[in-house]
Amino acid sequence: NDDKSSQLFGGYEYLSGDDPGSSDDERFDPLWSGYPQSQRGGDLQVYMWTPEYGNIAEIGNLHRLGGGYSFKPSDTWTMVTQYNALWADEDQNAFTNTGTGFTSGDSKFRGHLVSWVATYQCCKKFKAHFMVDYLFPGDFYPNPGGKDAYFTRVNLEWTF
């Protein structure tokens, strides 16, 4: 209840993976996961795991532990920073649904994901945000695929 509406938050998320030894699809169903994925640590993840399942925004095989801080420096601006540590639930044949036969790297650690979102809302009908996501990959991704990744977006919304 300070003058900046400061909030500290944290969370844990588990999304099941698919058992490669079974013909059934046991992984998490992203139907209710929503978009954008800012509550999950950023939108980079939407594109980051596309090769694993073949569809944008399908996310599974994940343990996410993270936290962040948000505050309002003024009546029109909100700032949110987040950190998430990411692990895979299963390390074998992570890309089963795309048929690549690609297996994971040396560990189940996917990496560190850092996110920042600045939101501006001057009036009831106009809102804008600027987002930056940055991933420092872990050993789950084999070389040369284990390179840093980033995603930025400017979003303008006019509602009527």
N, C-alpha and C. Protein backbone atom coordinates (compact mmCIF):
# COMPACT_ATOMS: atom_id res chain seq x y z
N ASN A 1 0.81 -1.20 0.00
CA ASN A 1 0.00 0.00 0.00
C ASN A 1 0.85 1.27 0.00
N ASP A 2 1.99 1.24 -0.69
CA ASP A 2 2.79 2.46 -0.76
C ASP A 2 2.30 3.35 -1.90
N ASP A 3 2.89 4.51 -2.05
CA ASP A 3 2.43 5.46 -3.06
C ASP A 3 2.73 5.02 -4.49
N LYS A 4 3.53 3.98 -4.68
CA LYS A 4 3.85 3.45 -6.02
C LYS A 4 3.11 2.15 -6.34
N SER A 5 2.21 1.73 -5.47
CA SER A 5 1.47 0.46 -5.64
C SER A 5 2.42 -0.71 -5.88
N SER A 6 3.50 -0.76 -5.13
CA SER A 6 4.52 -1.79 -5.30
C SER A 6 3.98 -3.17 -4.96
N GLN A 7 4.42 -4.16 -5.74
CA GLN A 7 4.04 -5.55 -5.48
C GLN A 7 5.23 -6.46 -5.75
N LEU A 8 5.51 -7.35 -4.84
CA LEU A 8 6.44 -8.45 -5.06
C LEU A 8 5.60 -9.69 -5.30
N PHE A 9 5.99 -10.52 -6.26
CA PHE A 9 5.21 -11.72 -6.52
C PHE A 9 6.13 -12.86 -6.90
N GLY A 10 5.63 -14.06 -6.75
CA GLY A 10 6.39 -15.25 -7.09
C GLY A 10 5.44 -16.36 -7.48
N GLY A 11 5.99 -17.38 -8.11
CA GLY A 11 5.13 -18.49 -8.49
C GLY A 11 5.91 -19.67 -9.02
N TYR A 12 5.20 -20.77 -9.08
CA TYR A 12 5.73 -22.02 -9.63
C TYR A 12 4.69 -22.56 -10.60
N GLU A 13 5.16 -23.09 -11.72
CA GLU A 13 4.26 -23.65 -12.73
C GLU A 13 4.84 -24.97 -13.23
N TYR A 14 3.98 -25.95 -13.39
CA TYR A 14 4.37 -27.24 -13.96
C TYR A 14 3.43 -27.55 -15.11
N LEU A 15 4.00 -27.82 -16.29
CA LEU A 15 3.24 -28.24 -17.46
C LEU A 15 3.83 -29.57 -17.92
N SER A 16 3.02 -30.61 -17.92
CA SER A 16 3.52 -31.95 -18.22
C SER A 16 4.04 -32.05 -19.64
N GLY A 17 4.94 -32.99 -19.83
CA GLY A 17 5.48 -33.28 -21.15
C GLY A 17 4.78 -34.49 -21.74
N ASP A 18 5.24 -34.90 -22.90
CA ASP A 18 4.67 -36.05 -23.60
C ASP A 18 5.59 -37.24 -23.42
N ASP A 19 5.05 -38.40 -23.11
CA ASP A 19 5.84 -39.62 -22.97
C ASP A 19 6.15 -40.16 -24.35
N PRO A 20 7.42 -40.13 -24.77
CA PRO A 20 7.76 -40.60 -26.12
C PRO A 20 7.54 -42.10 -26.32
N GLY A 21 7.39 -42.86 -25.22
CA GLY A 21 7.16 -44.29 -25.33
C GLY A 21 5.70 -44.67 -25.48
N SER A 22 4.83 -43.68 -25.57
CA SER A 22 3.40 -43.92 -25.66
C SER A 22 2.84 -43.28 -26.92
N SER A 23 1.77 -43.86 -27.46
CA SER A 23 1.12 -43.27 -28.63
C SER A 23 0.11 -42.18 -28.23
N ASP A 24 -0.18 -42.06 -26.92
CA ASP A 24 -1.09 -41.03 -26.42
C ASP A 24 -0.36 -39.70 -26.27
N ASP A 25 -1.10 -38.62 -26.30
CA ASP A 25 -0.55 -37.29 -26.08
C ASP A 25 -0.87 -36.89 -24.65
N GLU A 26 0.11 -37.02 -23.74
CA GLU A 26 -0.12 -36.75 -22.32
C GLU A 26 0.31 -35.35 -21.89
N ARG A 27 0.81 -34.56 -22.78
CA ARG A 27 1.34 -33.26 -22.39
C ARG A 27 0.24 -32.27 -22.05
N PHE A 28 0.65 -31.14 -21.48
CA PHE A 28 -0.26 -30.07 -21.09
C PHE A 28 -1.00 -29.54 -22.31
N ASP A 29 -2.30 -29.32 -22.17
CA ASP A 29 -3.11 -28.75 -23.25
C ASP A 29 -3.16 -27.24 -23.07
N PRO A 30 -2.60 -26.46 -24.01
CA PRO A 30 -2.51 -25.01 -23.82
C PRO A 30 -3.79 -24.24 -24.12
N LEU A 31 -4.92 -24.92 -24.29
CA LEU A 31 -6.16 -24.25 -24.64
C LEU A 31 -6.47 -23.08 -23.71
N TRP A 32 -6.24 -23.25 -22.42
CA TRP A 32 -6.59 -22.21 -21.45
C TRP A 32 -5.39 -21.36 -21.06
N SER A 33 -4.28 -21.47 -21.76
CA SER A 33 -3.08 -20.76 -21.33
C SER A 33 -3.08 -19.28 -21.64
N GLY A 34 -3.88 -18.82 -22.59
CA GLY A 34 -4.00 -17.39 -22.84
C GLY A 34 -2.84 -16.79 -23.61
N TYR A 35 -3.07 -15.60 -24.12
CA TYR A 35 -2.05 -14.88 -24.87
C TYR A 35 -2.34 -13.41 -24.72
N PRO A 36 -1.41 -12.54 -24.47
CA PRO A 36 0.01 -12.79 -24.39
C PRO A 36 0.40 -13.55 -23.12
N GLN A 37 1.61 -14.00 -23.08
CA GLN A 37 2.09 -14.87 -22.01
C GLN A 37 2.84 -14.09 -20.92
N SER A 38 2.52 -12.83 -20.74
CA SER A 38 3.27 -12.03 -19.76
C SER A 38 3.18 -12.60 -18.35
N GLN A 39 2.09 -13.26 -17.99
CA GLN A 39 1.96 -13.87 -16.67
C GLN A 39 2.92 -15.05 -16.52
N ARG A 40 3.41 -15.58 -17.60
CA ARG A 40 4.31 -16.71 -17.61
C ARG A 40 5.77 -16.26 -17.74
N GLY A 41 6.01 -14.96 -17.77
CA GLY A 41 7.37 -14.47 -17.84
C GLY A 41 7.71 -13.85 -19.18
N GLY A 42 6.78 -13.74 -20.08
CA GLY A 42 7.05 -13.07 -21.35
C GLY A 42 6.57 -13.84 -22.55
N ASP A 43 6.55 -13.17 -23.68
CA ASP A 43 6.06 -13.76 -24.92
C ASP A 43 7.11 -14.55 -25.68
N LEU A 44 8.37 -14.44 -25.32
CA LEU A 44 9.41 -15.19 -26.01
C LEU A 44 9.12 -16.69 -25.99
N GLN A 45 8.56 -17.17 -24.90
CA GLN A 45 8.28 -18.60 -24.77
C GLN A 45 7.30 -19.11 -25.83
N VAL A 46 6.39 -18.25 -26.26
CA VAL A 46 5.41 -18.64 -27.27
C VAL A 46 6.12 -19.15 -28.53
N TYR A 47 7.21 -18.50 -28.89
CA TYR A 47 7.96 -18.86 -30.09
C TYR A 47 9.12 -19.81 -29.81
N MET A 48 9.63 -19.75 -28.59
CA MET A 48 10.81 -20.53 -28.24
C MET A 48 10.57 -22.04 -28.32
N TRP A 49 9.37 -22.49 -27.94
CA TRP A 49 9.10 -23.92 -27.92
C TRP A 49 8.31 -24.41 -29.13
N THR A 50 8.11 -23.56 -30.12
CA THR A 50 7.40 -23.97 -31.33
C THR A 50 8.05 -25.19 -32.00
N PRO A 51 9.40 -25.26 -32.11
CA PRO A 51 9.99 -26.44 -32.74
C PRO A 51 9.72 -27.75 -32.00
N GLU A 52 9.47 -27.68 -30.70
CA GLU A 52 9.22 -28.90 -29.94
C GLU A 52 7.88 -29.53 -30.27
N TYR A 53 6.86 -28.69 -30.50
CA TYR A 53 5.51 -29.21 -30.69
C TYR A 53 4.92 -28.89 -32.05
N GLY A 54 5.57 -28.02 -32.81
CA GLY A 54 5.11 -27.74 -34.16
C GLY A 54 4.04 -26.67 -34.27
N ASN A 55 3.56 -26.14 -33.15
CA ASN A 55 2.52 -25.11 -33.17
C ASN A 55 2.93 -23.94 -32.27
N ILE A 56 2.66 -22.73 -32.72
CA ILE A 56 2.95 -21.56 -31.91
C ILE A 56 2.08 -21.59 -30.66
N ALA A 57 2.69 -21.26 -29.54
CA ALA A 57 2.06 -21.14 -28.22
C ALA A 57 1.78 -22.47 -27.54
N GLU A 58 2.17 -23.59 -28.13
CA GLU A 58 2.04 -24.87 -27.41
C GLU A 58 3.23 -25.00 -26.48
N ILE A 59 2.93 -25.08 -25.19
CA ILE A 59 3.96 -25.12 -24.18
C ILE A 59 3.73 -26.34 -23.30
N GLY A 60 4.74 -27.12 -23.10
CA GLY A 60 4.67 -28.28 -22.23
C GLY A 60 6.07 -28.63 -21.77
N ASN A 61 6.19 -29.73 -21.01
CA ASN A 61 7.49 -30.20 -20.56
C ASN A 61 8.23 -29.08 -19.83
N LEU A 62 7.58 -28.48 -18.85
CA LEU A 62 8.14 -27.28 -18.23
C LEU A 62 7.91 -27.24 -16.73
N HIS A 63 8.96 -26.85 -16.02
CA HIS A 63 8.89 -26.40 -14.63
C HIS A 63 9.39 -24.96 -14.66
N ARG A 64 8.61 -24.05 -14.09
CA ARG A 64 9.00 -22.64 -14.07
C ARG A 64 8.90 -22.13 -12.64
N LEU A 65 10.00 -21.58 -12.14
CA LEU A 65 10.05 -21.00 -10.82
C LEU A 65 10.51 -19.55 -10.98
N GLY A 66 9.71 -18.61 -10.51
CA GLY A 66 10.10 -17.23 -10.74
C GLY A 66 9.46 -16.25 -9.80
N GLY A 67 9.82 -15.00 -10.02
CA GLY A 67 9.28 -13.93 -9.23
C GLY A 67 9.53 -12.61 -9.90
N GLY A 68 8.96 -11.57 -9.32
CA GLY A 68 9.14 -10.27 -9.92
C GLY A 68 8.67 -9.15 -9.02
N TYR A 69 8.70 -7.96 -9.61
CA TYR A 69 8.35 -6.74 -8.90
C TYR A 69 7.61 -5.82 -9.87
N SER A 70 6.52 -5.24 -9.42
CA SER A 70 5.81 -4.25 -10.23
C SER A 70 5.56 -3.00 -9.39
N PHE A 71 5.50 -1.87 -10.09
CA PHE A 71 5.21 -0.61 -9.42
C PHE A 71 4.68 0.39 -10.44
N LYS A 72 4.06 1.45 -9.94
CA LYS A 72 3.51 2.52 -10.77
C LYS A 72 4.26 3.81 -10.46
N PRO A 73 5.21 4.20 -11.34
CA PRO A 73 5.94 5.44 -11.09
C PRO A 73 5.07 6.68 -11.24
N SER A 74 3.94 6.55 -11.93
CA SER A 74 2.98 7.66 -12.07
C SER A 74 1.59 7.05 -12.28
N ASP A 75 0.59 7.89 -12.41
CA ASP A 75 -0.77 7.41 -12.63
C ASP A 75 -0.94 6.73 -13.99
N THR A 76 -0.09 7.05 -14.95
CA THR A 76 -0.25 6.52 -16.31
C THR A 76 0.71 5.40 -16.66
N TRP A 77 1.72 5.16 -15.85
CA TRP A 77 2.74 4.15 -16.16
C TRP A 77 2.76 3.03 -15.12
N THR A 78 2.99 1.80 -15.60
CA THR A 78 3.23 0.63 -14.74
C THR A 78 4.47 -0.08 -15.26
N MET A 79 5.36 -0.47 -14.38
CA MET A 79 6.58 -1.20 -14.73
C MET A 79 6.57 -2.56 -14.03
N VAL A 80 6.93 -3.61 -14.79
CA VAL A 80 6.99 -4.96 -14.23
C VAL A 80 8.30 -5.60 -14.68
N THR A 81 9.06 -6.14 -13.74
CA THR A 81 10.25 -6.93 -14.05
C THR A 81 10.04 -8.32 -13.48
N GLN A 82 10.54 -9.32 -14.22
CA GLN A 82 10.38 -10.71 -13.78
C GLN A 82 11.66 -11.50 -14.06
N TYR A 83 11.89 -12.50 -13.21
CA TYR A 83 12.94 -13.49 -13.44
C TYR A 83 12.30 -14.86 -13.33
N ASN A 84 12.62 -15.76 -14.26
CA ASN A 84 12.14 -17.13 -14.20
C ASN A 84 13.27 -18.10 -14.49
N ALA A 85 13.40 -19.12 -13.68
CA ALA A 85 14.30 -20.24 -13.95
C ALA A 85 13.43 -21.34 -14.56
N LEU A 86 13.90 -21.94 -15.66
CA LEU A 86 13.09 -22.88 -16.44
C LEU A 86 13.79 -24.23 -16.53
N TRP A 87 13.02 -25.30 -16.31
CA TRP A 87 13.52 -26.66 -16.46
C TRP A 87 12.55 -27.47 -17.32
N ALA A 88 13.08 -28.47 -17.99
CA ALA A 88 12.24 -29.43 -18.69
C ALA A 88 11.88 -30.54 -17.72
N ASP A 89 10.69 -31.10 -17.86
CA ASP A 89 10.28 -32.22 -17.04
C ASP A 89 10.94 -33.51 -17.54
N GLU A 90 11.02 -33.65 -18.85
CA GLU A 90 11.62 -34.83 -19.47
C GLU A 90 12.73 -34.39 -20.41
N ASP A 91 13.84 -35.11 -20.42
CA ASP A 91 14.97 -34.69 -21.25
C ASP A 91 15.15 -35.50 -22.53
N GLN A 92 14.44 -36.59 -22.68
CA GLN A 92 14.65 -37.42 -23.86
C GLN A 92 13.72 -37.03 -25.00
N ASN A 93 14.27 -36.97 -26.18
CA ASN A 93 13.54 -36.74 -27.44
C ASN A 93 12.50 -35.62 -27.30
N ALA A 94 12.98 -34.44 -26.94
CA ALA A 94 12.08 -33.32 -26.66
C ALA A 94 11.25 -32.89 -27.87
N PHE A 95 11.71 -33.20 -29.06
CA PHE A 95 11.03 -32.70 -30.25
C PHE A 95 10.23 -33.81 -30.93
N THR A 96 9.55 -34.64 -30.17
CA THR A 96 8.87 -35.80 -30.74
C THR A 96 7.76 -35.43 -31.72
N ASN A 97 7.03 -34.37 -31.50
CA ASN A 97 5.86 -34.08 -32.33
C ASN A 97 6.20 -33.51 -33.69
N THR A 98 7.41 -33.02 -33.89
CA THR A 98 7.77 -32.47 -35.21
C THR A 98 8.50 -33.49 -36.06
N GLY A 99 8.79 -34.65 -35.48
CA GLY A 99 9.43 -35.71 -36.25
C GLY A 99 10.89 -35.48 -36.55
N THR A 100 11.54 -34.55 -35.85
CA THR A 100 12.95 -34.26 -36.13
C THR A 100 13.88 -35.28 -35.50
N GLY A 101 13.39 -36.01 -34.48
CA GLY A 101 14.25 -36.96 -33.78
C GLY A 101 15.30 -36.27 -32.95
N PHE A 102 15.16 -35.00 -32.71
CA PHE A 102 16.12 -34.20 -31.98
C PHE A 102 16.04 -34.52 -30.50
N THR A 103 17.15 -34.80 -29.87
CA THR A 103 17.16 -35.07 -28.43
C THR A 103 17.75 -33.89 -27.69
N SER A 104 17.41 -33.80 -26.42
CA SER A 104 17.86 -32.67 -25.62
C SER A 104 19.35 -32.78 -25.31
N GLY A 105 19.88 -31.69 -24.76
CA GLY A 105 21.30 -31.60 -24.46
C GLY A 105 21.70 -32.33 -23.20
N ASP A 106 22.62 -31.73 -22.43
CA ASP A 106 23.25 -32.39 -21.30
C ASP A 106 22.44 -32.39 -20.01
N SER A 107 21.42 -31.55 -19.90
CA SER A 107 20.66 -31.48 -18.65
C SER A 107 19.22 -31.10 -18.94
N LYS A 108 18.43 -30.97 -17.88
CA LYS A 108 17.03 -30.57 -18.01
C LYS A 108 16.85 -29.06 -17.80
N PHE A 109 17.93 -28.33 -17.55
CA PHE A 109 17.81 -26.89 -17.29
C PHE A 109 17.66 -26.13 -18.61
N ARG A 110 16.48 -25.50 -18.80
CA ARG A 110 16.20 -24.74 -20.02
C ARG A 110 16.89 -23.38 -20.00
N GLY A 111 17.01 -22.74 -18.84
CA GLY A 111 17.71 -21.47 -18.77
C GLY A 111 17.04 -20.45 -17.87
N HIS A 112 17.57 -19.22 -17.95
CA HIS A 112 17.08 -18.07 -17.19
C HIS A 112 16.34 -17.15 -18.14
N LEU A 113 15.12 -16.75 -17.77
CA LEU A 113 14.33 -15.84 -18.59
C LEU A 113 14.06 -14.57 -17.78
N VAL A 114 14.52 -13.44 -18.33
CA VAL A 114 14.34 -12.14 -17.69
C VAL A 114 13.40 -11.32 -18.57
N SER A 115 12.42 -10.66 -17.95
CA SER A 115 11.42 -9.89 -18.71
C SER A 115 11.19 -8.54 -18.07
N TRP A 116 10.84 -7.58 -18.93
CA TRP A 116 10.49 -6.24 -18.47
C TRP A 116 9.35 -5.73 -19.34
N VAL A 117 8.31 -5.17 -18.71
CA VAL A 117 7.17 -4.61 -19.43
C VAL A 117 6.87 -3.23 -18.84
N ALA A 118 6.77 -2.24 -19.72
CA ALA A 118 6.33 -0.90 -19.33
C ALA A 118 4.98 -0.65 -20.00
N THR A 119 3.96 -0.33 -19.21
CA THR A 119 2.62 -0.09 -19.74
C THR A 119 2.23 1.36 -19.51
N TYR A 120 1.68 1.96 -20.55
CA TYR A 120 1.23 3.35 -20.49
C TYR A 120 -0.26 3.40 -20.80
N GLN A 121 -1.04 3.98 -19.92
CA GLN A 121 -2.47 4.15 -20.17
C GLN A 121 -2.86 5.57 -19.78
N CYS A 122 -3.05 6.39 -20.83
CA CYS A 122 -3.34 7.81 -20.60
C CYS A 122 -4.82 8.06 -20.37
N CYS A 123 -5.64 7.19 -20.94
CA CYS A 123 -7.09 7.39 -20.86
C CYS A 123 -7.80 6.04 -20.97
N LYS A 124 -9.09 6.06 -20.88
CA LYS A 124 -9.86 4.82 -20.86
C LYS A 124 -9.72 4.01 -22.15
N LYS A 125 -9.56 4.65 -23.29
CA LYS A 125 -9.59 3.95 -24.58
C LYS A 125 -8.22 3.69 -25.20
N PHE A 126 -7.14 4.26 -24.64
CA PHE A 126 -5.82 4.07 -25.24
C PHE A 126 -4.87 3.46 -24.23
N LYS A 127 -4.14 2.43 -24.69
CA LYS A 127 -3.16 1.75 -23.84
C LYS A 127 -2.00 1.32 -24.73
N ALA A 128 -0.80 1.38 -24.21
CA ALA A 128 0.39 0.94 -24.94
C ALA A 128 1.32 0.21 -23.98
N HIS A 129 2.07 -0.74 -24.51
CA HIS A 129 3.12 -1.34 -23.69
C HIS A 129 4.34 -1.67 -24.54
N PHE A 130 5.47 -1.67 -23.87
CA PHE A 130 6.75 -2.03 -24.46
C PHE A 130 7.29 -3.19 -23.65
N MET A 131 7.65 -4.29 -24.34
CA MET A 131 8.09 -5.50 -23.67
C MET A 131 9.45 -5.95 -24.18
N VAL A 132 10.29 -6.43 -23.27
CA VAL A 132 11.58 -7.02 -23.62
C VAL A 132 11.70 -8.32 -22.84
N ASP A 133 11.97 -9.43 -23.53
CA ASP A 133 12.26 -10.74 -22.92
C ASP A 133 13.66 -11.14 -23.34
N TYR A 134 14.41 -11.75 -22.42
CA TYR A 134 15.76 -12.20 -22.74
C TYR A 134 15.99 -13.57 -22.10
N LEU A 135 16.42 -14.53 -22.88
CA LEU A 135 16.68 -15.88 -22.39
C LEU A 135 18.17 -16.18 -22.45
N PHE A 136 18.71 -16.61 -21.31
CA PHE A 136 20.06 -17.16 -21.24
C PHE A 136 19.86 -18.68 -21.18
N PRO A 137 20.07 -19.40 -22.29
CA PRO A 137 19.71 -20.82 -22.34
C PRO A 137 20.60 -21.69 -21.46
N GLY A 138 19.98 -22.77 -20.99
CA GLY A 138 20.72 -23.76 -20.22
C GLY A 138 21.20 -24.90 -21.10
N ASP A 139 21.67 -25.97 -20.47
CA ASP A 139 22.24 -27.11 -21.20
C ASP A 139 21.18 -28.04 -21.78
N PHE A 140 19.90 -27.74 -21.61
CA PHE A 140 18.85 -28.55 -22.23
C PHE A 140 18.95 -28.48 -23.74
N TYR A 141 19.37 -27.31 -24.25
CA TYR A 141 19.46 -27.10 -25.69
C TYR A 141 20.87 -27.45 -26.16
N PRO A 142 20.99 -28.36 -27.13
CA PRO A 142 22.32 -28.73 -27.61
C PRO A 142 22.90 -27.63 -28.51
N ASN A 143 24.20 -27.61 -28.60
CA ASN A 143 24.85 -26.65 -29.51
C ASN A 143 24.63 -27.09 -30.94
N PRO A 144 24.46 -26.19 -31.90
CA PRO A 144 24.61 -24.73 -31.76
C PRO A 144 23.32 -24.04 -31.37
N GLY A 145 22.27 -24.78 -31.00
CA GLY A 145 20.98 -24.17 -30.70
C GLY A 145 20.95 -23.39 -29.40
N GLY A 146 21.92 -23.56 -28.52
CA GLY A 146 21.90 -22.93 -27.22
C GLY A 146 22.42 -21.52 -27.20
N LYS A 147 21.90 -20.65 -28.05
CA LYS A 147 22.32 -19.25 -28.08
C LYS A 147 21.30 -18.38 -27.36
N ASP A 148 21.76 -17.23 -26.86
CA ASP A 148 20.85 -16.30 -26.20
C ASP A 148 19.73 -15.91 -27.16
N ALA A 149 18.56 -15.65 -26.60
CA ALA A 149 17.41 -15.26 -27.43
C ALA A 149 16.75 -14.05 -26.78
N TYR A 150 16.17 -13.18 -27.61
CA TYR A 150 15.44 -12.04 -27.10
C TYR A 150 14.22 -11.77 -27.96
N PHE A 151 13.26 -11.09 -27.35
CA PHE A 151 12.02 -10.74 -28.03
C PHE A 151 11.62 -9.35 -27.53
N THR A 152 11.29 -8.46 -28.43
CA THR A 152 10.80 -7.14 -28.04
C THR A 152 9.50 -6.88 -28.78
N ARG A 153 8.65 -6.07 -28.16
CA ARG A 153 7.39 -5.73 -28.81
C ARG A 153 6.89 -4.40 -28.28
N VAL A 154 6.35 -3.62 -29.19
CA VAL A 154 5.60 -2.41 -28.84
C VAL A 154 4.16 -2.68 -29.26
N ASN A 155 3.25 -2.49 -28.36
CA ASN A 155 1.84 -2.78 -28.62
C ASN A 155 1.01 -1.55 -28.32
N LEU A 156 0.18 -1.14 -29.28
CA LEU A 156 -0.73 0.00 -29.10
C LEU A 156 -2.15 -0.50 -29.20
N GLU A 157 -3.01 -0.11 -28.27
CA GLU A 157 -4.40 -0.55 -28.28
C GLU A 157 -5.33 0.65 -28.17
N TRP A 158 -6.23 0.75 -29.11
CA TRP A 158 -7.29 1.76 -29.07
C TRP A 158 -8.61 1.01 -29.07
N THR A 159 -9.36 1.13 -28.03
CA THR A 159 -10.63 0.40 -27.93
C THR A 159 -11.80 1.37 -28.14
N PHE A 160 -12.84 0.84 -28.71
CA PHE A 160 -14.04 1.66 -28.95
C PHE A 160 -15.27 0.83 -28.83
